C-alpha atoms as a PDB file:
ATOM      1  CA  MET A   1       0.118  -0.077   0.228  1.00  0.00           C
ATOM      2  CA  ILE A   2       1.560   3.480  -0.772  1.00  0.00           C
ATOM      3  CA  ARG A   3       0.262   6.811   0.425  1.00  0.00           C
ATOM      4  CA  ILE A   4       1.549   9.985  -0.894  1.00  0.00           C
ATOM      5  CA  LEU A   5       1.200  13.342   0.694  1.00  0.00           C
ATOM      6  CA  GLU A   6       1.833  16.581  -1.420  1.00  0.00           C
ATOM      7  CA  TYR A   7       2.298  19.692  -0.670  1.00  0.00           C
ATOM      8  CA  ASN A   8       2.415  22.981  -2.938  1.00  0.00           C
ATOM      9  CA  SER A   9       3.909  26.020  -1.766  1.00  0.00           C
ATOM     10  CA  LYS A  10       2.639  28.234  -4.141  1.00  0.00           C
ATOM     11  CA  SER A  11      -0.789  27.117  -3.968  1.00  0.00           C
ATOM     12  CA  ASN A  12      -0.704  26.127  -0.159  1.00  0.00           C
ATOM     13  CA  LYS A  13      -3.008  23.256  -0.558  1.00  0.00           C
ATOM     14  CA  PRO A  14      -2.185  19.558   0.212  1.00  0.00           C
ATOM     15  CA  GLN A  15      -3.099  16.765  -2.012  1.00  0.00           C
ATOM     16  CA  PHE A  16      -3.494  13.244  -0.128  1.00  0.00           C
ATOM     17  CA  LYS A  17      -3.701   9.607  -2.241  1.00  0.00           C
ATOM     18  CA  ALA A  18      -4.542   6.855   0.312  1.00  0.00           C
ATOM     19  CA  ASN A  19      -4.452   4.061  -1.964  1.00  0.00           C
ATOM     20  CA  ALA A  20      -1.666   5.260  -4.883  1.00  0.00           C
ATOM     21  CA  SER A  21       0.456   3.656  -6.773  1.00  0.00           C
ATOM     22  CA  LEU A  22       3.891   4.384  -8.206  1.00  0.00           C
ATOM     23  CA  GLN A  23       2.609   6.358 -11.268  1.00  0.00           C
ATOM     24  CA  ASP A  24       1.061   8.822  -8.927  1.00  0.00           C
ATOM     25  CA  ILE A  25       3.976   9.931  -7.408  1.00  0.00           C
ATOM     26  CA  PRO A  26       5.018  13.405  -8.415  1.00  0.00           C
ATOM     27  CA  PHE A  27       8.379  14.417  -9.790  1.00  0.00           C
ATOM     28  CA  ASN A  28       8.822  18.491  -9.263  1.00  0.00           C
ATOM     29  CA  ASN A  29       9.746  20.891  -6.691  1.00  0.00           C
ATOM     30  CA  ASN A  30       6.523  20.069  -4.243  1.00  0.00           C
ATOM     31  CA  LYS A  31       7.359  18.484  -0.896  1.00  0.00           C
ATOM     32  CA  ILE A  32       6.312  15.165  -0.673  1.00  0.00           C
ATOM     33  CA  TRP A  33       5.487  11.908   1.760  1.00  0.00           C
ATOM     34  CA  ILE A  34       5.562   9.154   0.203  1.00  0.00           C
ATOM     35  CA  ASP A  35       4.592   6.362   2.554  1.00  0.00           C
ATOM     36  CA  ILE A  36       5.007   2.618   1.322  1.00  0.00           C
ATOM     37  CA  GLU A  37       3.510  -0.279   3.573  1.00  0.00           C
ATOM     38  CA  THR A  38       4.772  -3.666   2.732  1.00  0.00           C
ATOM     39  CA  ILE A  39       7.643  -2.853  -0.260  1.00  0.00           C
ATOM     40  CA  SER A  40       7.889  -5.231  -3.292  1.00  0.00           C
ATOM     41  CA  LEU A  41      10.875  -5.488  -5.453  1.00  0.00           C
ATOM     42  CA  ASP A  42       9.491  -3.531  -8.435  1.00  0.00           C
ATOM     43  CA  GLU A  43       8.674  -0.637  -6.094  1.00  0.00           C
ATOM     44  CA  ILE A  44      12.230  -0.969  -4.669  1.00  0.00           C
ATOM     45  CA  ASN A  45      13.581  -0.680  -8.358  1.00  0.00           C
ATOM     46  CA  PHE A  46      11.107   2.200  -9.038  1.00  0.00           C
ATOM     47  CA  LEU A  47      12.438   4.121  -6.010  1.00  0.00           C
ATOM     48  CA  ALA A  48      16.206   3.462  -6.981  1.00  0.00           C
ATOM     49  CA  GLU A  49      15.846   4.717 -10.238  1.00  0.00           C
ATOM     50  CA  HIS A  50      13.581   7.731  -9.805  1.00  0.00           C
ATOM     51  CA  PHE A  51      15.163   9.173  -6.152  1.00  0.00           C
ATOM     52  CA  ALA A  52      18.959   7.826  -7.328  1.00  0.00           C
ATOM     53  CA  LEU A  53      18.832   5.717  -3.874  1.00  0.00           C
ATOM     54  CA  HIS A  54      22.014   3.726  -3.038  1.00  0.00           C
ATOM     55  CA  PRO A  55      22.190   0.003  -3.767  1.00  0.00           C
ATOM     56  CA  LEU A  56      23.341  -0.304  -0.028  1.00  0.00           C
ATOM     57  CA  ALA A  57      20.474   1.606   1.513  1.00  0.00           C
ATOM     58  CA  LEU A  58      18.474  -0.556  -0.863  1.00  0.00           C
ATOM     59  CA  GLU A  59      19.825  -3.652   0.450  1.00  0.00           C
ATOM     60  CA  ASP A  60      19.000  -2.663   3.922  1.00  0.00           C
ATOM     61  CA  THR A  61      15.805  -1.775   3.074  1.00  0.00           C
ATOM     62  CA  LYS A  62      15.215  -5.888   1.849  1.00  0.00           C
ATOM     63  CA  ASN A  63      16.779  -7.337   4.657  1.00  0.00           C
ATOM     64  CA  LEU A  64      14.775  -6.566   7.571  1.00  0.00           C
ATOM     65  CA  ASN A  65      17.630  -7.345  10.105  1.00  0.00           C
ATOM     66  CA  GLN A  66      19.000  -4.114  10.688  1.00  0.00           C
ATOM     67  CA  ARG A  67      20.012  -2.212  13.961  1.00  0.00           C
ATOM     68  CA  PRO A  68      19.004   1.556  14.142  1.00  0.00           C
ATOM     69  CA  LYS A  69      21.438   3.681  12.472  1.00  0.00           C
ATOM     70  CA  ILE A  70      21.733   6.862  10.687  1.00  0.00           C
ATOM     71  CA  GLU A  71      23.577   7.367   7.081  1.00  0.00           C
ATOM     72  CA  ASP A  72      24.536  10.557   5.063  1.00  0.00           C
ATOM     73  CA  TYR A  73      24.562   9.735   1.422  1.00  0.00           C
ATOM     74  CA  GLY A  74      25.155  13.294   0.242  1.00  0.00           C
ATOM     75  CA  ASP A  75      22.155  14.123  -1.368  1.00  0.00           C
ATOM     76  CA  TYR A  76      19.873  12.397   1.436  1.00  0.00           C
ATOM     77  CA  ILE A  77      19.856  10.624   4.642  1.00  0.00           C
ATOM     78  CA  PHE A  78      18.897   6.776   5.216  1.00  0.00           C
ATOM     79  CA  ILE A  79      17.747   6.332   8.927  1.00  0.00           C
ATOM     80  CA  VAL A  80      16.557   2.972  10.306  1.00  0.00           C
ATOM     81  CA  LEU A  81      14.451   2.976  13.690  1.00  0.00           C
ATOM     82  CA  HIS A  82      12.232   0.167  15.516  1.00  0.00           C
ATOM     83  CA  THR A  83       9.010   0.575  17.012  1.00  0.00           C
ATOM     84  CA  ILE A  84       8.106  -1.484  19.497  1.00  0.00           C
ATOM     85  CA  HIS A  85       4.894  -3.334  20.141  1.00  0.00           C
ATOM     86  CA  PHE A  86       3.360  -4.554  23.590  1.00  0.00           C
ATOM     87  CA  ILE A  87       1.790  -8.380  22.159  1.00  0.00           C
ATOM     88  CA  LYS A  88       0.872  -9.576  25.865  1.00  0.00           C
ATOM     89  CA  PRO A  89       2.373  -9.064  29.186  1.00  0.00           C
ATOM     90  CA  ASN A  90       5.301 -10.838  29.025  1.00  0.00           C
ATOM     91  CA  SER A  91       6.183 -10.153  25.340  1.00  0.00           C
ATOM     92  CA  ILE A  92       6.700  -7.395  23.010  1.00  0.00           C
ATOM     93  CA  LYS A  93       7.382  -7.185  18.978  1.00  0.00           C
ATOM     94  CA  ILE A  94      10.152  -4.899  17.488  1.00  0.00           C
ATOM     95  CA  ARG A  95       9.468  -3.665  13.881  1.00  0.00           C
ATOM     96  CA  GLU A  96      11.893  -1.689  11.741  1.00  0.00           C
ATOM     97  CA  ILE A  97      11.222   1.217   9.692  1.00  0.00           C
ATOM     98  CA  HIS A  98      13.143   3.004   7.207  1.00  0.00           C
ATOM     99  CA  PHE A  99      13.494   6.396   5.880  1.00  0.00           C
ATOM    100  CA  PHE A 100      14.931   8.288   3.023  1.00  0.00           C
ATOM    101  CA  PHE A 101      14.751  12.106   3.528  1.00  0.00           C
ATOM    102  CA  ASN A 102      16.169  15.369   2.507  1.00  0.00           C
ATOM    103  CA  GLU A 103      14.850  19.077   1.841  1.00  0.00           C
ATOM    104  CA  ASN A 104      12.242  17.868  -0.792  1.00  0.00           C
ATOM    105  CA  PHE A 105      10.797  14.501   0.159  1.00  0.00           C
ATOM    106  CA  LEU A 106      10.588  12.139   3.031  1.00  0.00           C
ATOM    107  CA  ILE A 107      10.383   8.140   2.037  1.00  0.00           C
ATOM    108  CA  SER A 108       8.714   5.997   5.127  1.00  0.00           C
ATOM    109  CA  ILE A 109       8.865   2.191   4.192  1.00  0.00           C
ATOM    110  CA  HIS A 110       7.691  -0.708   6.735  1.00  0.00           C
ATOM    111  CA  GLN A 111       6.046  -4.251   6.569  1.00  0.00           C
ATOM    112  CA  HIS A 112       3.472  -3.579   9.224  1.00  0.00           C
ATOM    113  CA  PRO A 113       0.558  -0.688  10.137  1.00  0.00           C
ATOM    114  CA  GLU A 114       2.309   1.808  12.158  1.00  0.00           C
ATOM    115  CA  LEU A 115       0.370   3.506  14.780  1.00  0.00           C
ATOM    116  CA  ALA A 116       2.611   6.462  14.628  1.00  0.00           C
ATOM    117  CA  ILE A 117       2.306   7.413  11.301  1.00  0.00           C
ATOM    118  CA  GLU A 118      -1.413   6.289  11.125  1.00  0.00           C
ATOM    119  CA  ASN A 119      -1.705   9.249  13.776  1.00  0.00           C
ATOM    120  CA  LEU A 120      -0.235  11.541  12.044  1.00  0.00           C
ATOM    121  CA  LEU A 121      -2.383  10.849   8.682  1.00  0.00           C
ATOM    122  CA  GLU A 122      -5.222  11.174  10.808  1.00  0.00           C
ATOM    123  CA  LYS A 123      -4.387  14.429  12.352  1.00  0.00           C
ATOM    124  CA  ASN A 124      -3.536  16.078   8.907  1.00  0.00           C
ATOM    125  CA  SER A 125      -6.636  14.825   7.542  1.00  0.00           C
ATOM    126  CA  MET A 126      -8.719  16.332  10.729  1.00  0.00           C
ATOM    127  CA  THR A 127      -7.179  20.188  10.294  1.00  0.00           C
ATOM    128  CA  GLU A 128      -6.639  22.057   7.399  1.00  0.00           C
ATOM    129  CA  PHE A 129      -2.791  22.939   8.327  1.00  0.00           C
ATOM    130  CA  CYS A 130      -0.412  20.561   6.493  1.00  0.00           C
ATOM    131  CA  ILE A 131       1.927  18.861   8.676  1.00  0.00           C
ATOM    132  CA  LEU A 132       4.396  19.201   5.256  1.00  0.00           C
ATOM    133  CA  LYS A 133       4.304  22.775   5.411  1.00  0.00           C
ATOM    134  CA  THR A 134       7.059  23.319   7.970  1.00  0.00           C
ATOM    135  CA  GLY A 135       9.545  21.416   6.114  1.00  0.00           C
ATOM    136  CA  ILE A 136      10.447  17.681   5.971  1.00  0.00           C
ATOM    137  CA  ASP A 137      12.545  17.781   8.820  1.00  0.00           C
ATOM    138  CA  SER A 138       9.524  18.995  10.767  1.00  0.00           C
ATOM    139  CA  LEU A 139       7.560  16.066   9.583  1.00  0.00           C
ATOM    140  CA  LEU A 140      10.706  13.637  10.425  1.00  0.00           C
ATOM    141  CA  HIS A 141      10.841  15.144  13.878  1.00  0.00           C
ATOM    142  CA  LEU A 142       6.876  14.215  14.368  1.00  0.00           C
ATOM    143  CA  VAL A 143       7.387  11.085  12.981  1.00  0.00           C
ATOM    144  CA  CYS A 144      10.178  10.176  15.092  1.00  0.00           C
ATOM    145  CA  ASP A 145       8.508  11.778  18.343  1.00  0.00           C
ATOM    146  CA  GLN A 146       5.389   9.163  17.603  1.00  0.00           C
ATOM    147  CA  ILE A 147       7.790   6.467  17.479  1.00  0.00           C
ATOM    148  CA  VAL A 148       9.536   6.954  20.689  1.00  0.00           C
ATOM    149  CA  ASP A 149       6.681   7.965  22.752  1.00  0.00           C
ATOM    150  CA  SER A 150       4.825   4.495  21.601  1.00  0.00           C
ATOM    151  CA  SER A 151       7.396   3.245  23.776  1.00  0.00           C
ATOM    152  CA  PHE A 152       5.736   4.711  27.086  1.00  0.00           C
ATOM    153  CA  PRO A 153       2.554   2.906  26.678  1.00  0.00           C
ATOM    154  CA  VAL A 154       4.747  -0.876  26.410  1.00  0.00           C
ATOM    155  CA  LEU A 155       6.561   0.319  29.931  1.00  0.00           C
ATOM    156  CA  ASP A 156       3.650   0.831  31.539  1.00  0.00           C
ATOM    157  CA  GLY A 157       2.222  -2.322  30.445  1.00  0.00           C
ATOM    158  CA  ILE A 158       5.104  -4.102  32.034  1.00  0.00           C
ATOM    159  CA  SER A 159       5.011  -2.323  34.876  1.00  0.00           C
ATOM    160  CA  LYS A 160       1.653  -3.479  35.725  1.00  0.00           C
ATOM    161  CA  GLU A 161       2.478  -6.573  35.167  1.00  0.00           C
ATOM    162  CA  ILE A 162       5.496  -6.237  37.570  1.00  0.00           C
ATOM    163  CA  ALA A 163       2.679  -4.913  40.181  1.00  0.00           C
ATOM    164  CA  LYS A 164       0.834  -7.901  39.422  1.00  0.00           C
ATOM    165  CA  LEU A 165       3.856 -10.426  40.131  1.00  0.00           C
ATOM    166  CA  GLU A 166       4.444  -8.574  43.346  1.00  0.00           C
ATOM    167  CA  SER A 167       0.867  -8.939  44.454  1.00  0.00           C
ATOM    168  CA  SER A 168       0.790 -12.609  43.658  1.00  0.00           C
ATOM    169  CA  LEU A 169       4.103 -12.994  45.613  1.00  0.00           C
ATOM    170  CA  TRP A 170       2.506 -12.130  49.034  1.00  0.00           C
ATOM    171  CA  LYS A 171      -0.682 -13.563  48.396  1.00  0.00           C
ATOM    172  CA  GLU A 172       1.235 -16.967  47.907  1.00  0.00           C
ATOM    173  CA  GLN A 173      -0.063 -17.242  44.431  1.00  0.00           C
ATOM    174  CA  GLU A 174       3.714 -17.407  42.847  1.00  0.00           C
ATOM    175  CA  LYS A 175       3.216 -20.553  40.952  1.00  0.00           C
ATOM    176  CA  ASN A 176       4.767 -19.098  37.394  1.00  0.00           C
ATOM    177  CA  LEU A 177       6.289 -15.819  39.380  1.00  0.00           C
ATOM    178  CA  ILE A 178      10.122 -17.071  38.096  1.00  0.00           C
ATOM    179  CA  GLU A 179       8.889 -17.604  34.321  1.00  0.00           C
ATOM    180  CA  SER A 180       7.099 -15.064  34.131  1.00  0.00           C
ATOM    181  CA  THR A 181       9.681 -12.624  36.078  1.00  0.00           C
ATOM    182  CA  ILE A 182      12.431 -14.192  33.432  1.00  0.00           C
ATOM    183  CA  LEU A 183      10.301 -13.459  30.592  1.00  0.00           C
ATOM    184  CA  ILE A 184       9.705  -9.648  31.402  1.00  0.00           C
ATOM    185  CA  LYS A 185      13.507  -9.574  31.594  1.00  0.00           C
ATOM    186  CA  ARG A 186      13.736 -10.535  28.688  1.00  0.00           C
ATOM    187  CA  SER A 187      11.545  -8.174  26.904  1.00  0.00           C
ATOM    188  CA  LEU A 188      13.559  -5.500  29.029  1.00  0.00           C
ATOM    189  CA  LEU A 189      16.820  -6.642  27.727  1.00  0.00           C
ATOM    190  CA  LYS A 190      15.115  -6.866  24.014  1.00  0.00           C
ATOM    191  CA  MET A 191      14.051  -2.984  24.689  1.00  0.00           C
ATOM    192  CA  LYS A 192      17.355  -2.118  26.048  1.00  0.00           C
ATOM    193  CA  ARG A 193      19.228  -3.556  22.902  1.00  0.00           C
ATOM    194  CA  THR A 194      16.623  -1.985  20.769  1.00  0.00           C
ATOM    195  CA  LEU A 195      16.753   1.488  21.859  1.00  0.00           C
ATOM    196  CA  SER A 196      20.312   2.020  23.196  1.00  0.00           C
ATOM    197  CA  PRO A 197      21.506   2.371  19.507  1.00  0.00           C
ATOM    198  CA  GLN A 198      18.322   4.589  18.648  1.00  0.00           C
ATOM    199  CA  ARG A 199      19.660   6.741  21.209  1.00  0.00           C
ATOM    200  CA  ASP A 200      22.791   7.400  18.698  1.00  0.00           C
ATOM    201  CA  VAL A 201      20.417   8.248  16.038  1.00  0.00           C
ATOM    202  CA  PHE A 202      18.888  11.306  17.717  1.00  0.00           C
ATOM    203  CA  GLN A 203      21.643  12.700  19.373  1.00  0.00           C
ATOM    204  CA  ASN A 204      23.232  12.398  16.061  1.00  0.00           C
ATOM    205  CA  LEU A 205      19.928  14.217  14.497  1.00  0.00           C
ATOM    206  CA  ALA A 206      20.365  16.433  17.374  1.00  0.00           C
ATOM    207  CA  ARG A 207      24.049  17.600  16.602  1.00  0.00           C
ATOM    208  CA  PHE A 208      24.545  16.585  13.319  1.00  0.00           C
ATOM    209  CA  ASP A 209      25.490  19.573  11.144  1.00  0.00           C
ATOM    210  CA  SER A 210      23.254  18.633   7.811  1.00  0.00           C
ATOM    211  CA  LYS A 211      21.713  20.835   5.570  1.00  0.00           C
ATOM    212  CA  PHE A 212      18.682  18.780   5.351  1.00  0.00           C
ATOM    213  CA  VAL A 213      18.081  19.147   9.394  1.00  0.00           C
ATOM    214  CA  SER A 214      17.456  22.720  10.519  1.00  0.00           C
ATOM    215  CA  GLU A 215      18.822  24.290  13.647  1.00  0.00           C
ATOM    216  CA  LYS A 216      15.313  24.762  15.096  1.00  0.00           C
ATOM    217  CA  ILE A 217      14.409  21.345  14.247  1.00  0.00           C
ATOM    218  CA  ARG A 218      17.642  19.900  15.599  1.00  0.00           C
ATOM    219  CA  LEU A 219      16.466  21.052  19.297  1.00  0.00           C
ATOM    220  CA  TYR A 220      13.231  19.032  18.918  1.00  0.00           C
ATOM    221  CA  PHE A 221      15.323  16.141  18.004  1.00  0.00           C
ATOM    222  CA  ARG A 222      17.025  16.885  21.710  1.00  0.00           C
ATOM    223  CA  ASP A 223      14.037  16.983  23.194  1.00  0.00           C
ATOM    224  CA  VAL A 224      13.519  13.240  21.243  1.00  0.00           C
ATOM    225  CA  PHE A 225      17.001  12.243  22.551  1.00  0.00           C
ATOM    226  CA  ASP A 226      15.594  13.140  26.322  1.00  0.00           C
ATOM    227  CA  HIS A 227      12.471  10.998  26.022  1.00  0.00           C
ATOM    228  CA  LEU A 228      14.816   7.841  24.716  1.00  0.00           C
ATOM    229  CA  THR A 229      17.103   8.590  28.028  1.00  0.00           C
ATOM    230  CA  ARG A 230      13.803   8.773  30.110  1.00  0.00           C
ATOM    231  CA  ILE A 231      12.709   5.428  28.653  1.00  0.00           C
ATOM    232  CA  HIS A 232      15.963   3.833  29.134  1.00  0.00           C
ATOM    233  CA  GLU A 233      16.365   4.821  32.698  1.00  0.00           C
ATOM    234  CA  SER A 234      12.799   3.296  33.116  1.00  0.00           C
ATOM    235  CA  ILE A 235      14.152   0.076  31.477  1.00  0.00           C
ATOM    236  CA  GLU A 236      16.829   0.012  33.995  1.00  0.00           C
ATOM    237  CA  LEU A 237      14.091   0.708  36.908  1.00  0.00           C
ATOM    238  CA  GLU A 238      12.228  -1.966  35.782  1.00  0.00           C
ATOM    239  CA  ARG A 239      14.792  -4.626  35.441  1.00  0.00           C
ATOM    240  CA  ASP A 240      15.747  -3.635  39.273  1.00  0.00           C
ATOM    241  CA  LEU A 241      12.462  -4.320  40.696  1.00  0.00           C
ATOM    242  CA  LEU A 242      12.577  -7.656  39.094  1.00  0.00           C
ATOM    243  CA  GLY A 243      15.669  -8.286  40.379  1.00  0.00           C
ATOM    244  CA  ASN A 244      14.476  -7.296  44.012  1.00  0.00           C
ATOM    245  CA  LEU A 245      10.874  -9.408  43.309  1.00  0.00           C
ATOM    246  CA  LEU A 246      13.273 -12.344  42.797  1.00  0.00           C
ATOM    247  CA  ASP A 247      15.197 -11.958  45.827  1.00  0.00           C
ATOM    248  CA  ALA A 248      12.366 -11.359  47.610  1.00  0.00           C
ATOM    249  CA  TYR A 249      10.559 -14.680  46.141  1.00  0.00           C
ATOM    250  CA  PHE A 250      13.821 -16.627  47.185  1.00  0.00           C
ATOM    251  CA  SER A 251      13.646 -15.208  50.747  1.00  0.00           C
ATOM    252  CA  LEU A 252      10.268 -16.180  51.021  1.00  0.00           C
ATOM    253  CA  VAL A 253      11.066 -20.102  49.916  1.00  0.00           C
ATOM    254  CA  SER A 254      13.971 -20.111  52.082  1.00  0.00           C
ATOM    255  CA  GLN A 255      11.752 -19.064  54.848  1.00  0.00           C
ATOM    256  CA  LYS A 256       9.307 -21.249  54.153  1.00  0.00           C
ATOM    257  CA  THR A 257      12.203 -24.388  53.729  1.00  0.00           C
ATOM    258  CA  ASN A 258      12.988 -23.112  57.384  1.00  0.00           C
ATOM    259  CA  GLU A 259       9.582 -23.008  58.591  1.00  0.00           C
ATOM    260  CA  THR A 260       9.082 -26.475  57.648  1.00  0.00           C
ATOM    261  CA  VAL A 261      12.590 -27.818  58.692  1.00  0.00           C
ATOM    262  CA  LYS A 262      11.896 -26.712  61.897  1.00  0.00           C
ATOM    263  CA  LYS A 263       8.610 -28.676  62.261  1.00  0.00           C
ATOM    264  CA  LEU A 264      10.149 -31.815  61.484  1.00  0.00           C
ATOM    265  CA  THR A 265      12.653 -31.110  63.812  1.00  0.00           C
ATOM    266  CA  LEU A 266      10.311 -30.295  66.497  1.00  0.00           C
ATOM    267  CA  VAL A 267       8.013 -33.482  65.373  1.00  0.00           C
ATOM    268  CA  SER A 268      11.495 -35.859  65.450  1.00  0.00           C
ATOM    269  CA  PHE A 269      12.627 -34.114  68.648  1.00  0.00           C
ATOM    270  CA  ILE A 270       9.193 -35.117  70.453  1.00  0.00           C
ATOM    271  CA  PHE A 271       9.174 -39.107  69.046  1.00  0.00           C
ATOM    272  CA  LEU A 272      13.055 -39.613  69.494  1.00  0.00           C
ATOM    273  CA  PRO A 273      12.411 -40.677  73.899  1.00  0.00           C
ATOM    274  CA  LEU A 274       9.228 -42.422  72.900  1.00  0.00           C
ATOM    275  CA  THR A 275      11.204 -44.046  70.165  1.00  0.00           C
ATOM    276  CA  PHE A 276      13.679 -44.725  72.550  1.00  0.00           C
ATOM    277  CA  LEU A 277      11.345 -46.250  75.334  1.00  0.00           C
ATOM    278  CA  THR A 278       9.303 -48.493  72.868  1.00  0.00           C
ATOM    279  CA  GLY A 279      12.580 -50.041  71.521  1.00  0.00           C
ATOM    280  CA  PHE A 280      13.946 -50.869  74.950  1.00  0.00           C
ATOM    281  CA  PHE A 281      10.851 -52.498  75.905  1.00  0.00           C
ATOM    282  CA  GLY A 282      10.481 -54.339  72.585  1.00  0.00           C
ATOM    283  CA  MET A 283      13.781 -56.246  73.016  1.00  0.00           C
ATOM    284  CA  ASN A 284      13.276 -59.502  73.669  1.00  0.00           C
ATOM    285  CA  PHE A 285      14.287 -60.621  77.608  1.00  0.00           C
ATOM    286  CA  THR A 286      14.890 -63.504  79.457  1.00  0.00           C
ATOM    287  CA  MET A 287      13.217 -61.440  82.101  1.00  0.00           C
ATOM    288  CA  ILE A 288      11.271 -58.603  81.331  1.00  0.00           C
ATOM    289  CA  PRO A 289      12.844 -55.605  83.037  1.00  0.00           C
ATOM    290  CA  PHE A 290      10.443 -53.385  85.598  1.00  0.00           C
ATOM    291  CA  ASN A 291       8.786 -56.132  86.511  1.00  0.00           C
ATOM    292  CA  GLU A 292       6.793 -54.358  89.309  1.00  0.00           C
ATOM    293  CA  PRO A 293       3.785 -53.214  88.401  1.00  0.00           C
ATOM    294  CA  TRP A 294       4.195 -49.673  89.727  1.00  0.00           C
ATOM    295  CA  LEU A 295       7.346 -49.729  87.552  1.00  0.00           C
ATOM    296  CA  LEU A 296       5.346 -50.440  84.421  1.00  0.00           C
ATOM    297  CA  PHE A 297       2.607 -47.883  84.892  1.00  0.00           C
ATOM    298  CA  SER A 298       5.128 -45.011  85.421  1.00  0.00           C
ATOM    299  CA  THR A 299       6.619 -46.231  82.249  1.00  0.00           C
ATOM    300  CA  ILE A 300       3.452 -45.883  80.303  1.00  0.00           C
ATOM    301  CA  CYS A 301       2.774 -42.384  82.109  1.00  0.00           C
ATOM    302  CA  LEU A 302       5.969 -41.255  80.853  1.00  0.00           C
ATOM    303  CA  VAL A 303       5.249 -42.221  77.481  1.00  0.00           C
ATOM    304  CA  GLY A 304       1.918 -40.133  77.811  1.00  0.00           C
ATOM    305  CA  LEU A 305       3.229 -37.106  79.573  1.00  0.00           C
ATOM    306  CA  LEU A 306       6.747 -36.645  77.203  1.00  0.00           C
ATOM    307  CA  PRO A 307       4.953 -35.441  74.176  1.00  0.00           C
ATOM    308  CA  VAL A 308       2.646 -33.159  76.284  1.00  0.00           C
ATOM    309  CA  SER A 309       5.583 -31.648  78.137  1.00  0.00           C
ATOM    310  CA  PHE A 310       7.632 -30.879  75.008  1.00  0.00           C
ATOM    311  CA  LEU A 311       4.378 -29.195  73.377  1.00  0.00           C
ATOM    312  CA  LEU A 312       3.982 -26.955  76.245  1.00  0.00           C
ATOM    313  CA  TYR A 313       7.416 -26.037  76.181  1.00  0.00           C
ATOM    314  CA  PHE A 314       7.757 -25.461  72.677  1.00  0.00           C
ATOM    315  CA  TRP A 315       4.511 -23.368  72.909  1.00  0.00           C
ATOM    316  CA  LYS A 316       5.914 -21.200  75.922  1.00  0.00           C
ATOM    317  CA  ARG A 317       9.072 -20.602  73.733  1.00  0.00           C
ATOM    318  CA  ARG A 318       6.826 -19.412  70.700  1.00  0.00           C
ATOM    319  CA  TRP A 319       8.416 -22.211  68.356  1.00  0.00           C
ATOM    320  CA  LEU A 320       4.976 -23.642  67.257  1.00  0.00           C
END
C-alpha cells in the first residue's frame, strides 16, 4: 500500500492519496511524503531509479534485520528506526521503519501498520494545516517523536505486570512467578538492545550539521533524545524491580523451607524419647525389666507425659 501526501507551497494546498500507485508519485519541486507499507521488489527498483537511492541503503531495506542507524549519502539521509509493540504482558514485538529524506521528500518504508504514522495522517486529515508546510525535517521529527513516545505505553504495561507479580508474591500465588519474571526481563533486555543504538541516531540528528535538518528542528530532536533517555532509565528501574522481586521470592522460599524443617525437627524431637522407650521395651529379655507393676505404670505415664510436656515447652518458647 502506498500513500502520498504532497504540499504545494505556491498554492498552499495539500494533496493526499490514500491508495496510490507508483505512477501517482509526482516528480516536481513540491514537498512530498511517500509512505509505503509492505514494499515489493518493483517498488524498490522504482525508487532506486527515480530518487537515485544507493544500492547499500536499498539492500538494508530489503533485509529487515538492521540495527537503528543513520547514514548520510550526500543527497539524502537514510535512517533505520525500530518500533516496540506490546503483544502480551511478558512479550513484545520489534519492527523496523526505514526513512529516506532530504529537503524535498520523505520516504517511509515499513512492513506492518504503524500507529505513529497512522496518527500523523489522521491528524493531518482532521485539520487544514498540512504537516508538510513546516518542512520535511519537521515532519521527520513528528514521526520520530510518535515512534519514541509509543514506547511509554509498552513500559506502562510491563510496570502493571510487575505490580501484579508483586501482589501474587505476597498472596502466595507465585506458581509461575519465576517464569513470568524471566520473560519480562527478556523483554526489557530486548527493549534496551533496541533503544540504545536508537539514542545515538537522535543524538546525531540533534548535533549533526546537515543541510537537511535546520538548527530549529535540531532542538526538537534533542527533546526526542531526552525522551529516549527517560525510557532507558525506566527500563533499568524495571529491571532492578524484577531483581528485587526475585530476591524477595527466594527469601520467602528459604523462610518457608526453614519453617518446614523447624516443624519436622520438633516432631522428631518429640518422638525421639518415645522411640527409645518403645524400642527398649520391645527387645527380647529372659526377664522383662521393671517387672513391678508400679514401674510399668510409671513408664506408661512417662510415655504419655513426654509429648505433652514437649508441646507445652515449645508453645511457651513460641516455637510452634
